[in-house]
């Protein structure tokens, strides 16, 4: 892969953290005729090496299943702009709303480690992660997944119906806060929760999970995008910075923030 191709892929994927953004800006400037060749070569080498690292990680990670590959492929093929113009979805989505490469396998690993049987997802999108988690559960396991968009719910139900682990997935349509309230009233608890929804709602979802005992003692909450594309650590008092600080100050949990893609936080409720 050439450096030009690397730049294009990262730009389209919207995975530009501040360091990569600075490097790409420097690379653009380095194309000026008065730039020493060794400077441009050094910048290209850094970008290429970073891409090689990502490629190597994917190569050395267990592959997606046929089901999750199919969901991912269909997500990239969907005419998102057209669906938005026609009013079928409320948000102009793009395929990169889908969780990044390796995150499905990461969640599967955690589910098997914890021997989880009940899993909750806040923010389903097209169902890639829901399916990945369902595949890691035992036969009696269940994934409850929350999604606001009726079109995405209808599409996912149709997709899941024809897949081996689709019967393990229980889709709850509507605002996630309402769904969490309903689950609490039902007395439900979960061994693992994956949060990847509207970022401004993160703190509210977190409080409901802890305050309403939805996250069982000893259970793990996995939170995606806790770098918020770098703003969490380059600017103060951002939405995600506030969320991360609130978690740090909560003595009911222990947590670690991993530099995986756009930041993934593992938050364990203290207890059993």
C-alpha atoms as a PDB file:
ATOM      1  CA  UNK A   1       0.000   0.000   0.000  1.00  0.00           C
ATOM      2  CA  UNK A   2       1.413   3.377  -1.014  1.00  0.00           C
ATOM      3  CA  UNK A   3       1.478   6.316   1.381  1.00  0.00           C
ATOM      4  CA  UNK A   4      -1.119   8.070  -0.796  1.00  0.00           C
ATOM      5  CA  UNK A   5      -3.432   5.067  -0.367  1.00  0.00           C
ATOM      6  CA  UNK A   6      -2.805   5.026   3.396  1.00  0.00           C
ATOM      7  CA  UNK A   7      -3.715   8.699   3.636  1.00  0.00           C
ATOM      8  CA  UNK A   8      -6.936   8.113   1.664  1.00  0.00           C
ATOM      9  CA  UNK A   9      -8.019   5.109   3.743  1.00  0.00           C
ATOM     10  CA  UNK A  10      -7.421   6.842   7.072  1.00  0.00           C
ATOM     11  CA  UNK A  11      -9.264   9.940   5.881  1.00  0.00           C
ATOM     12  CA  UNK A  12     -12.286   7.931   4.715  1.00  0.00           C
ATOM     13  CA  UNK A  13     -12.307   5.853   7.875  1.00  0.00           C
ATOM     14  CA  UNK A  14     -12.384   9.003  10.014  1.00  0.00           C
ATOM     15  CA  UNK A  15      -9.854   7.404  12.335  1.00  0.00           C
ATOM     16  CA  UNK A  16      -7.591  10.431  12.288  1.00  0.00           C
ATOM     17  CA  UNK A  17      -6.234  10.936  15.777  1.00  0.00           C
ATOM     18  CA  UNK A  18      -4.375  14.232  16.342  1.00  0.00           C
ATOM     19  CA  UNK A  19      -0.930  12.681  15.801  1.00  0.00           C
ATOM     20  CA  UNK A  20      -1.907  11.147  12.462  1.00  0.00           C
ATOM     21  CA  UNK A  21      -3.617  14.360  11.420  1.00  0.00           C
ATOM     22  CA  UNK A  22      -0.455  16.348  12.112  1.00  0.00           C
ATOM     23  CA  UNK A  23       1.658  13.836  10.193  1.00  0.00           C
ATOM     24  CA  UNK A  24      -0.675  13.963   7.201  1.00  0.00           C
ATOM     25  CA  UNK A  25      -0.602  17.758   7.244  1.00  0.00           C
ATOM     26  CA  UNK A  26       3.198  17.678   7.338  1.00  0.00           C
ATOM     27  CA  UNK A  27       3.189  15.218   4.462  1.00  0.00           C
ATOM     28  CA  UNK A  28       1.077  17.584   2.373  1.00  0.00           C
ATOM     29  CA  UNK A  29       3.460  20.444   3.123  1.00  0.00           C
ATOM     30  CA  UNK A  30       6.462  18.245   2.347  1.00  0.00           C
ATOM     31  CA  UNK A  31       5.375  18.063  -1.300  1.00  0.00           C
ATOM     32  CA  UNK A  32       6.623  21.614  -1.795  1.00  0.00           C
ATOM     33  CA  UNK A  33       9.704  21.747  -4.016  1.00  0.00           C
ATOM     34  CA  UNK A  34      11.944  23.251  -1.346  1.00  0.00           C
ATOM     35  CA  UNK A  35      11.371  20.401   1.112  1.00  0.00           C
ATOM     36  CA  UNK A  36      14.462  18.220   1.558  1.00  0.00           C
ATOM     37  CA  UNK A  37      13.789  14.698   0.193  1.00  0.00           C
ATOM     38  CA  UNK A  38      14.869  13.095   3.461  1.00  0.00           C
ATOM     39  CA  UNK A  39      12.098  14.953   5.336  1.00  0.00           C
ATOM     40  CA  UNK A  40       9.387  13.675   3.020  1.00  0.00           C
ATOM     41  CA  UNK A  41      10.860  10.173   3.159  1.00  0.00           C
ATOM     42  CA  UNK A  42      10.848  10.232   6.968  1.00  0.00           C
ATOM     43  CA  UNK A  43       7.199  11.310   7.117  1.00  0.00           C
ATOM     44  CA  UNK A  44       6.212   8.660   4.578  1.00  0.00           C
ATOM     45  CA  UNK A  45       8.096   6.031   6.559  1.00  0.00           C
ATOM     46  CA  UNK A  46       6.283   6.921   9.789  1.00  0.00           C
ATOM     47  CA  UNK A  47       2.856   6.746   8.127  1.00  0.00           C
ATOM     48  CA  UNK A  48       3.697   3.503   6.361  1.00  0.00           C
ATOM     49  CA  UNK A  49       5.025   1.934   9.564  1.00  0.00           C
ATOM     50  CA  UNK A  50       1.860   2.872  11.451  1.00  0.00           C
ATOM     51  CA  UNK A  51      -0.264   1.299   8.716  1.00  0.00           C
ATOM     52  CA  UNK A  52       1.915  -1.820   8.783  1.00  0.00           C
ATOM     53  CA  UNK A  53       1.344  -2.108  12.528  1.00  0.00           C
ATOM     54  CA  UNK A  54      -2.442  -1.963  12.064  1.00  0.00           C
ATOM     55  CA  UNK A  55      -2.302  -4.492   9.240  1.00  0.00           C
ATOM     56  CA  UNK A  56      -0.134  -6.820  11.315  1.00  0.00           C
ATOM     57  CA  UNK A  57      -2.548  -6.640  14.268  1.00  0.00           C
ATOM     58  CA  UNK A  58      -5.429  -7.616  11.999  1.00  0.00           C
ATOM     59  CA  UNK A  59      -3.402 -10.434  10.449  1.00  0.00           C
ATOM     60  CA  UNK A  60      -2.522 -11.859  13.868  1.00  0.00           C
ATOM     61  CA  UNK A  61      -6.091 -11.631  15.213  1.00  0.00           C
ATOM     62  CA  UNK A  62      -8.604 -14.442  14.765  1.00  0.00           C
ATOM     63  CA  UNK A  63     -10.762 -13.698  11.715  1.00  0.00           C
ATOM     64  CA  UNK A  64     -14.376 -12.579  11.646  1.00  0.00           C
ATOM     65  CA  UNK A  65     -16.986 -15.273  11.150  1.00  0.00           C
ATOM     66  CA  UNK A  66     -18.881 -15.633   7.893  1.00  0.00           C
ATOM     67  CA  UNK A  67     -21.917 -14.005   9.542  1.00  0.00           C
ATOM     68  CA  UNK A  68     -20.121 -10.913  10.810  1.00  0.00           C
ATOM     69  CA  UNK A  69     -18.221 -10.529   7.529  1.00  0.00           C
ATOM     70  CA  UNK A  70     -21.524 -10.567   5.703  1.00  0.00           C
ATOM     71  CA  UNK A  71     -23.024  -7.918   7.987  1.00  0.00           C
ATOM     72  CA  UNK A  72     -19.931  -5.733   7.573  1.00  0.00           C
ATOM     73  CA  UNK A  73     -19.995  -6.106   3.799  1.00  0.00           C
ATOM     74  CA  UNK A  74     -23.686  -5.227   3.619  1.00  0.00           C
ATOM     75  CA  UNK A  75     -23.107  -2.200   5.857  1.00  0.00           C
ATOM     76  CA  UNK A  76     -20.571  -0.811   3.398  1.00  0.00           C
ATOM     77  CA  UNK A  77     -22.913  -1.512   0.477  1.00  0.00           C
ATOM     78  CA  UNK A  78     -25.927   0.324   1.915  1.00  0.00           C
ATOM     79  CA  UNK A  79     -26.859   3.677   0.263  1.00  0.00           C
ATOM     80  CA  UNK A  80     -26.731   5.697   3.467  1.00  0.00           C
ATOM     81  CA  UNK A  81     -27.060   9.159   1.907  1.00  0.00           C
ATOM     82  CA  UNK A  82     -30.067   8.038  -0.128  1.00  0.00           C
ATOM     83  CA  UNK A  83     -31.724   6.467   2.921  1.00  0.00           C
ATOM     84  CA  UNK A  84     -31.295   9.746   4.783  1.00  0.00           C
ATOM     85  CA  UNK A  85     -32.686  11.835   1.905  1.00  0.00           C
ATOM     86  CA  UNK A  86     -35.700   9.555   1.679  1.00  0.00           C
ATOM     87  CA  UNK A  87     -36.341   9.909   5.400  1.00  0.00           C
ATOM     88  CA  UNK A  88     -35.856   6.219   6.139  1.00  0.00           C
ATOM     89  CA  UNK A  89     -33.202   6.998   8.781  1.00  0.00           C
ATOM     90  CA  UNK A  90     -33.005  10.046  11.030  1.00  0.00           C
ATOM     91  CA  UNK A  91     -29.228  10.318  10.841  1.00  0.00           C
ATOM     92  CA  UNK A  92     -26.968  10.423   7.786  1.00  0.00           C
ATOM     93  CA  UNK A  93     -24.933   7.370   8.738  1.00  0.00           C
ATOM     94  CA  UNK A  94     -21.850   6.055   6.997  1.00  0.00           C
ATOM     95  CA  UNK A  95     -20.381   2.548   7.190  1.00  0.00           C
ATOM     96  CA  UNK A  96     -17.631   3.640   9.580  1.00  0.00           C
ATOM     97  CA  UNK A  97     -20.218   3.973  12.349  1.00  0.00           C
ATOM     98  CA  UNK A  98     -19.614   0.240  12.567  1.00  0.00           C
ATOM     99  CA  UNK A  99     -17.171  -0.824  15.274  1.00  0.00           C
ATOM    100  CA  UNK A 100     -13.594  -1.014  14.072  1.00  0.00           C
ATOM    101  CA  UNK A 101     -11.592  -4.054  12.955  1.00  0.00           C
ATOM    102  CA  UNK A 102     -10.875  -6.453  15.787  1.00  0.00           C
ATOM    103  CA  UNK A 103     -13.449  -5.078  18.223  1.00  0.00           C
ATOM    104  CA  UNK A 104     -15.867  -7.923  17.602  1.00  0.00           C
ATOM    105  CA  UNK A 105     -13.130 -10.433  18.400  1.00  0.00           C
ATOM    106  CA  UNK A 106     -12.056  -8.379  21.430  1.00  0.00           C
ATOM    107  CA  UNK A 107     -15.587  -8.546  22.844  1.00  0.00           C
ATOM    108  CA  UNK A 108     -15.822 -12.255  22.087  1.00  0.00           C
ATOM    109  CA  UNK A 109     -12.601 -12.785  24.040  1.00  0.00           C
ATOM    110  CA  UNK A 110     -13.991 -10.902  27.053  1.00  0.00           C
ATOM    111  CA  UNK A 111     -17.300 -12.777  26.953  1.00  0.00           C
ATOM    112  CA  UNK A 112     -15.527 -16.150  26.951  1.00  0.00           C
ATOM    113  CA  UNK A 113     -13.123 -15.073  29.701  1.00  0.00           C
ATOM    114  CA  UNK A 114     -15.996 -13.999  31.950  1.00  0.00           C
ATOM    115  CA  UNK A 115     -18.154 -16.961  30.972  1.00  0.00           C
ATOM    116  CA  UNK A 116     -20.895 -14.417  30.351  1.00  0.00           C
ATOM    117  CA  UNK A 117     -24.375 -15.564  29.414  1.00  0.00           C
ATOM    118  CA  UNK A 118     -26.229 -12.235  29.410  1.00  0.00           C
ATOM    119  CA  UNK A 119     -24.887  -9.334  27.368  1.00  0.00           C
ATOM    120  CA  UNK A 120     -26.270  -5.849  26.707  1.00  0.00           C
ATOM    121  CA  UNK A 121     -25.370  -3.573  23.799  1.00  0.00           C
ATOM    122  CA  UNK A 122     -26.294   0.117  23.742  1.00  0.00           C
ATOM    123  CA  UNK A 123     -26.166   1.233  20.100  1.00  0.00           C
ATOM    124  CA  UNK A 124     -26.692  -1.624  17.638  1.00  0.00           C
ATOM    125  CA  UNK A 125     -26.337   0.124  14.219  1.00  0.00           C
ATOM    126  CA  UNK A 126     -26.403  -2.726  11.653  1.00  0.00           C
ATOM    127  CA  UNK A 127     -25.693  -5.562  14.077  1.00  0.00           C
ATOM    128  CA  UNK A 128     -22.039  -6.458  13.492  1.00  0.00           C
ATOM    129  CA  UNK A 129     -21.116  -6.383  17.192  1.00  0.00           C
ATOM    130  CA  UNK A 130     -24.407  -7.916  18.340  1.00  0.00           C
ATOM    131  CA  UNK A 131     -23.783 -10.909  16.088  1.00  0.00           C
ATOM    132  CA  UNK A 132     -20.127 -11.201  17.136  1.00  0.00           C
ATOM    133  CA  UNK A 133     -21.137 -11.272  20.807  1.00  0.00           C
ATOM    134  CA  UNK A 134     -23.961 -13.748  20.183  1.00  0.00           C
ATOM    135  CA  UNK A 135     -21.466 -16.129  18.569  1.00  0.00           C
ATOM    136  CA  UNK A 136     -19.362 -16.151  21.759  1.00  0.00           C
ATOM    137  CA  UNK A 137     -22.283 -16.975  24.058  1.00  0.00           C
ATOM    138  CA  UNK A 138     -23.391 -20.464  25.104  1.00  0.00           C
ATOM    139  CA  UNK A 139     -26.603 -21.919  23.682  1.00  0.00           C
ATOM    140  CA  UNK A 140     -28.734 -20.378  26.444  1.00  0.00           C
ATOM    141  CA  UNK A 141     -27.020 -16.974  26.175  1.00  0.00           C
ATOM    142  CA  UNK A 142     -28.730 -13.773  25.069  1.00  0.00           C
ATOM    143  CA  UNK A 143     -27.699 -10.400  23.678  1.00  0.00           C
ATOM    144  CA  UNK A 144     -30.114  -7.567  24.378  1.00  0.00           C
ATOM    145  CA  UNK A 145     -29.334  -4.718  21.992  1.00  0.00           C
ATOM    146  CA  UNK A 146     -30.750  -1.182  21.923  1.00  0.00           C
ATOM    147  CA  UNK A 147     -31.365   0.774  18.709  1.00  0.00           C
ATOM    148  CA  UNK A 148     -33.350   3.960  18.098  1.00  0.00           C
ATOM    149  CA  UNK A 149     -33.733   3.815  14.304  1.00  0.00           C
ATOM    150  CA  UNK A 150     -36.750   1.702  13.187  1.00  0.00           C
ATOM    151  CA  UNK A 151     -35.211   1.090   9.749  1.00  0.00           C
ATOM    152  CA  UNK A 152     -32.034  -0.356  11.277  1.00  0.00           C
ATOM    153  CA  UNK A 153     -34.092  -2.522  13.621  1.00  0.00           C
ATOM    154  CA  UNK A 154     -36.191  -3.916  10.769  1.00  0.00           C
ATOM    155  CA  UNK A 155     -33.112  -4.541   8.613  1.00  0.00           C
ATOM    156  CA  UNK A 156     -31.208  -6.252  11.441  1.00  0.00           C
ATOM    157  CA  UNK A 157     -34.143  -8.488  12.333  1.00  0.00           C
ATOM    158  CA  UNK A 158     -34.311  -9.688   8.753  1.00  0.00           C
ATOM    159  CA  UNK A 159     -30.552 -10.268   8.715  1.00  0.00           C
ATOM    160  CA  UNK A 160     -30.441 -12.094  12.052  1.00  0.00           C
ATOM    161  CA  UNK A 161     -33.350 -14.334  11.077  1.00  0.00           C
ATOM    162  CA  UNK A 162     -31.217 -16.156   8.553  1.00  0.00           C
ATOM    163  CA  UNK A 163     -28.028 -16.513  10.608  1.00  0.00           C
ATOM    164  CA  UNK A 164     -27.002 -19.340  12.984  1.00  0.00           C
ATOM    165  CA  UNK A 165     -26.854 -17.258  16.206  1.00  0.00           C
ATOM    166  CA  UNK A 166     -29.553 -14.758  15.295  1.00  0.00           C
ATOM    167  CA  UNK A 167     -32.060 -16.273  17.716  1.00  0.00           C
ATOM    168  CA  UNK A 168     -29.858 -15.213  20.647  1.00  0.00           C
ATOM    169  CA  UNK A 169     -30.326 -11.507  19.842  1.00  0.00           C
ATOM    170  CA  UNK A 170     -33.188  -9.546  21.418  1.00  0.00           C
ATOM    171  CA  UNK A 171     -33.537  -6.110  19.767  1.00  0.00           C
ATOM    172  CA  UNK A 172     -35.194  -3.342  21.798  1.00  0.00           C
ATOM    173  CA  UNK A 173     -36.257  -0.415  19.594  1.00  0.00           C
ATOM    174  CA  UNK A 174     -36.543   3.116  20.999  1.00  0.00           C
ATOM    175  CA  UNK A 175     -34.493   5.596  23.058  1.00  0.00           C
ATOM    176  CA  UNK A 176     -31.857   3.694  24.997  1.00  0.00           C
ATOM    177  CA  UNK A 177     -32.717   5.481  28.245  1.00  0.00           C
ATOM    178  CA  UNK A 178     -36.282   4.137  28.020  1.00  0.00           C
ATOM    179  CA  UNK A 179     -35.001   0.656  27.231  1.00  0.00           C
ATOM    180  CA  UNK A 180     -32.641   0.724  30.219  1.00  0.00           C
ATOM    181  CA  UNK A 181     -35.493   1.793  32.492  1.00  0.00           C
ATOM    182  CA  UNK A 182     -37.631  -1.063  31.164  1.00  0.00           C
ATOM    183  CA  UNK A 183     -34.827  -3.587  31.638  1.00  0.00           C
ATOM    184  CA  UNK A 184     -34.341  -2.389  35.225  1.00  0.00           C
ATOM    185  CA  UNK A 185     -38.054  -2.789  35.900  1.00  0.00           C
ATOM    186  CA  UNK A 186     -37.813  -6.336  34.544  1.00  0.00           C
ATOM    187  CA  UNK A 187     -35.042  -6.984  37.087  1.00  0.00           C
ATOM    188  CA  UNK A 188     -32.497  -7.822  34.398  1.00  0.00           C
ATOM    189  CA  UNK A 189     -28.739  -7.872  34.994  1.00  0.00           C
ATOM    190  CA  UNK A 190     -25.872  -8.330  32.578  1.00  0.00           C
ATOM    191  CA  UNK A 191     -22.389  -9.835  32.788  1.00  0.00           C
ATOM    192  CA  UNK A 192     -21.009  -7.619  30.000  1.00  0.00           C
ATOM    193  CA  UNK A 193     -22.287  -4.364  28.523  1.00  0.00           C
ATOM    194  CA  UNK A 194     -20.992  -2.721  25.348  1.00  0.00           C
ATOM    195  CA  UNK A 195     -21.652   1.022  25.044  1.00  0.00           C
ATOM    196  CA  UNK A 196     -21.288   2.577  21.591  1.00  0.00           C
ATOM    197  CA  UNK A 197     -24.152   5.025  21.116  1.00  0.00           C
ATOM    198  CA  UNK A 198     -24.549   8.821  21.127  1.00  0.00           C
ATOM    199  CA  UNK A 199     -21.550  10.162  22.993  1.00  0.00           C
ATOM    200  CA  UNK A 200     -23.438  12.927  24.804  1.00  0.00           C
ATOM    201  CA  UNK A 201     -25.606  10.247  26.376  1.00  0.00           C
ATOM    202  CA  UNK A 202     -22.715   8.168  27.721  1.00  0.00           C
ATOM    203  CA  UNK A 203     -22.765   9.525  31.271  1.00  0.00           C
ATOM    204  CA  UNK A 204     -26.530   9.110  31.558  1.00  0.00           C
ATOM    205  CA  UNK A 205     -26.335   5.526  30.325  1.00  0.00           C
ATOM    206  CA  UNK A 206     -23.472   4.807  32.698  1.00  0.00           C
ATOM    207  CA  UNK A 207     -25.427   6.111  35.702  1.00  0.00           C
ATOM    208  CA  UNK A 208     -28.487   4.032  34.797  1.00  0.00           C
ATOM    209  CA  UNK A 209     -26.364   0.899  34.418  1.00  0.00           C
ATOM    210  CA  UNK A 210     -24.763   1.361  37.841  1.00  0.00           C
ATOM    211  CA  UNK A 211     -27.617   2.949  39.795  1.00  0.00           C
ATOM    212  CA  UNK A 212     -30.237   0.461  38.573  1.00  0.00           C
ATOM    213  CA  UNK A 213     -28.036  -2.628  39.079  1.00  0.00           C
ATOM    214  CA  UNK A 214     -28.135  -3.485  35.369  1.00  0.00           C
ATOM    215  CA  UNK A 215     -24.374  -4.072  35.473  1.00  0.00           C
ATOM    216  CA  UNK A 216     -24.000  -7.059  37.776  1.00  0.00           C
ATOM    217  CA  UNK A 217     -21.324  -7.181  40.504  1.00  0.00           C
ATOM    218  CA  UNK A 218     -18.058  -8.281  38.894  1.00  0.00           C
ATOM    219  CA  UNK A 219     -19.443  -7.519  35.419  1.00  0.00           C
ATOM    220  CA  UNK A 220     -17.614  -5.464  32.786  1.00  0.00           C
ATOM    221  CA  UNK A 221     -18.740  -2.391  30.886  1.00  0.00           C
ATOM    222  CA  UNK A 222     -16.866  -1.880  27.604  1.00  0.00           C
ATOM    223  CA  UNK A 223     -17.057   1.692  26.310  1.00  0.00           C
ATOM    224  CA  UNK A 224     -16.025   2.621  22.782  1.00  0.00           C
ATOM    225  CA  UNK A 225     -14.628   5.964  21.515  1.00  0.00           C
ATOM    226  CA  UNK A 226     -13.361   7.161  24.889  1.00  0.00           C
ATOM    227  CA  UNK A 227     -10.632   9.173  23.099  1.00  0.00           C
ATOM    228  CA  UNK A 228     -13.362  11.012  21.134  1.00  0.00           C
ATOM    229  CA  UNK A 229     -10.977  11.328  18.171  1.00  0.00           C
ATOM    230  CA  UNK A 230      -8.302  12.780  20.441  1.00  0.00           C
ATOM    231  CA  UNK A 231     -10.352  15.588  21.942  1.00  0.00           C
ATOM    232  CA  UNK A 232     -10.540  13.796  25.302  1.00  0.00           C
ATOM    233  CA  UNK A 233      -6.802  14.276  25.847  1.00  0.00           C
ATOM    234  CA  UNK A 234      -6.043  17.369  23.744  1.00  0.00           C
ATOM    235  CA  UNK A 235      -8.867  19.534  25.090  1.00  0.00           C
ATOM    236  CA  UNK A 236     -10.323  19.890  28.552  1.00  0.00           C
ATOM    237  CA  UNK A 237     -13.931  19.509  29.621  1.00  0.00           C
ATOM    238  CA  UNK A 238     -15.124  17.751  26.467  1.00  0.00           C
ATOM    239  CA  UNK A 239     -18.058  15.329  26.661  1.00  0.00           C
ATOM    240  CA  UNK A 240     -15.761  12.317  26.756  1.00  0.00           C
ATOM    241  CA  UNK A 241     -13.302  13.930  29.152  1.00  0.00           C
ATOM    242  CA  UNK A 242     -16.178  14.558  31.553  1.00  0.00           C
ATOM    243  CA  UNK A 243     -17.301  10.951  31.176  1.00  0.00           C
ATOM    244  CA  UNK A 244     -13.811   9.559  31.789  1.00  0.00           C
ATOM    245  CA  UNK A 245     -13.344  11.738  34.873  1.00  0.00           C
ATOM    246  CA  UNK A 246     -16.734  10.701  36.273  1.00  0.00           C
ATOM    247  CA  UNK A 247     -15.779   7.041  35.917  1.00  0.00           C
ATOM    248  CA  UNK A 248     -12.402   7.661  37.587  1.00  0.00           C
ATOM    249  CA  UNK A 249     -14.164   9.279  40.541  1.00  0.00           C
ATOM    250  CA  UNK A 250     -16.711   6.491  40.993  1.00  0.00           C
ATOM    251  CA  UNK A 251     -15.528   4.177  43.785  1.00  0.00           C
ATOM    252  CA  UNK A 252     -18.009   1.485  42.692  1.00  0.00           C
ATOM    253  CA  UNK A 253     -15.797   0.556  39.742  1.00  0.00           C
ATOM    254  CA  UNK A 254     -12.241  -0.055  38.599  1.00  0.00           C
ATOM    255  CA  UNK A 255     -11.236   0.906  35.090  1.00  0.00           C
ATOM    256  CA  UNK A 256      -8.551   0.948  32.421  1.00  0.00           C
ATOM    257  CA  UNK A 257      -8.513   2.971  29.199  1.00  0.00           C
ATOM    258  CA  UNK A 258      -6.857   1.098  26.321  1.00  0.00           C
ATOM    259  CA  UNK A 259      -5.336   2.828  23.255  1.00  0.00           C
ATOM    260  CA  UNK A 260      -7.320   0.557  20.925  1.00  0.00           C
ATOM    261  CA  UNK A 261      -8.582   2.373  17.809  1.00  0.00           C
ATOM    262  CA  UNK A 262     -10.409   5.467  19.170  1.00  0.00           C
ATOM    263  CA  UNK A 263      -9.976   4.417  22.790  1.00  0.00           C
ATOM    264  CA  UNK A 264     -11.757   1.569  24.575  1.00  0.00           C
ATOM    265  CA  UNK A 265     -12.446   1.677  28.307  1.00  0.00           C
ATOM    266  CA  UNK A 266     -12.906  -1.456  30.401  1.00  0.00           C
ATOM    267  CA  UNK A 267     -14.935  -0.684  33.515  1.00  0.00           C
ATOM    268  CA  UNK A 268     -15.509  -3.463  36.060  1.00  0.00           C
ATOM    269  CA  UNK A 269     -18.119  -3.177  38.760  1.00  0.00           C
ATOM    270  CA  UNK A 270     -16.521  -4.134  42.048  1.00  0.00           C
ATOM    271  CA  UNK A 271     -17.948  -7.183  43.730  1.00  0.00           C
ATOM    272  CA  UNK A 272     -17.934 -10.884  42.964  1.00  0.00           C
END
